[in-house]
Protein backbone atom coordinates (compact mmCIF):
# COMPACT_ATOMS: atom_id res chain seq x y z
CA MET A 1 21.62 15.08 16.61
CA SER A 2 22.56 11.55 15.39
CA ASP A 3 22.55 10.56 11.73
CA HIS A 4 22.53 6.77 12.92
CA VAL A 5 18.72 5.70 12.58
CA VAL A 6 17.81 2.20 14.15
CA PRO A 7 15.69 0.29 12.02
CA HIS A 8 12.43 -0.99 13.48
CA PHE A 9 10.94 -4.37 12.31
CA HIS A 10 7.60 -5.98 13.30
CA ASN A 11 6.13 -9.25 12.85
CA ASP A 12 2.28 -8.69 12.16
CA ALA A 13 2.53 -11.73 9.75
CA GLY A 14 3.52 -14.29 12.38
CA VAL A 15 6.40 -15.57 10.21
CA PRO A 16 9.04 -17.90 12.39
CA ILE A 17 11.98 -16.05 11.08
CA ILE A 18 12.69 -12.42 9.91
CA GLU A 19 15.97 -12.17 7.77
CA ILE A 20 17.41 -8.52 8.25
CA GLY A 21 20.48 -6.59 7.03
CA SER A 22 21.11 -4.81 10.20
CA ARG A 23 23.11 -6.00 13.34
CA GLU A 24 21.29 -3.40 15.48
CA PHE A 25 17.48 -2.96 15.37
CA MET A 26 14.49 -2.63 17.27
CA CYS A 27 11.63 -5.30 17.40
CA VAL A 28 8.21 -3.73 18.07
CA GLY A 29 6.32 -6.94 18.07
CA ALA A 30 3.33 -6.09 15.78
CA ASN A 31 2.26 -2.76 14.64
CA PRO A 32 0.65 -0.31 17.10
CA PRO A 33 -1.72 -0.55 18.85
CA PHE A 34 -0.72 -4.38 19.08
CA ASP A 35 2.98 -3.76 19.84
CA HIS A 36 5.08 -4.65 22.54
CA PRO A 37 7.57 -2.62 24.32
CA HIS A 38 10.02 -1.42 21.51
CA VAL A 39 13.18 -3.49 22.49
CA PHE A 40 16.71 -2.63 21.25
CA LEU A 41 18.36 -5.91 19.89
CA ASP A 42 22.03 -6.27 19.01
CA LEU A 43 23.28 -9.30 17.04
CA GLY A 44 26.95 -8.47 18.05
CA ASN A 45 29.10 -11.27 16.39
CA ASP A 46 26.12 -13.72 16.07
CA ASN A 47 23.87 -14.18 13.17
CA GLU A 48 20.63 -14.70 14.92
CA ILE A 49 18.82 -13.31 17.96
CA ILE A 50 15.20 -14.27 19.42
CA CYS A 51 13.06 -11.19 20.66
CA PRO A 52 12.46 -11.51 24.31
CA TYR A 53 8.97 -10.40 24.12
CA CYS A 54 7.31 -11.91 20.93
CA SER A 55 9.85 -14.87 20.38
CA THR A 56 10.67 -13.89 16.81
CA LEU A 57 13.78 -15.18 15.44
CA TYR A 58 15.69 -12.48 13.57
CA ARG A 59 18.75 -13.90 11.31
CA PHE A 60 21.36 -11.71 9.78
CA ALA A 61 21.43 -11.98 5.87
CA ALA A 62 24.45 -10.13 4.20
CA ASP A 63 22.60 -9.81 0.99
CA LEU A 64 20.11 -7.28 2.61
CA ALA A 65 20.86 -3.77 3.06
CA ALA A 66 20.50 -2.03 6.58
CA GLY A 67 17.01 -1.72 7.39
CA GLN A 68 15.69 -4.07 4.74
CA SER A 69 14.05 -7.74 5.79
CA ARG A 70 13.03 -10.59 4.21
CA PRO A 71 9.79 -10.67 4.10
CA PRO A 72 9.96 -7.09 3.16
CA GLU A 73 6.55 -6.00 4.92
CA CYS A 74 8.38 -6.55 8.30
CA VAL A 75 10.10 -3.31 8.20
CA VAL A 76 8.18 -0.65 10.22
CA LYS A 77 7.26 2.23 7.97
CA ASP A 78 6.98 5.87 9.35
CA LYS A 79 3.40 7.15 9.08
CA VAL A 80 3.52 10.47 7.35
CA ALA A 81 0.33 12.63 8.11
């Protein structure tokens, strides 16, 4: 098992830019059932990347912790039954 969890982000609000504190992450588009294929994105040495499915612009923000976003509601939260 891996102890490395890849954060997931969504853009239900339709904001033009989501700032994130992770360089590797998953974009899900919108929350299910309106999501697109969950795509893994890696910023590498860049500070911005555009999701090829939903065209959301993600920008790295060093002041955010891994898994955090601005706006904060763009983080996908696990639903506990």
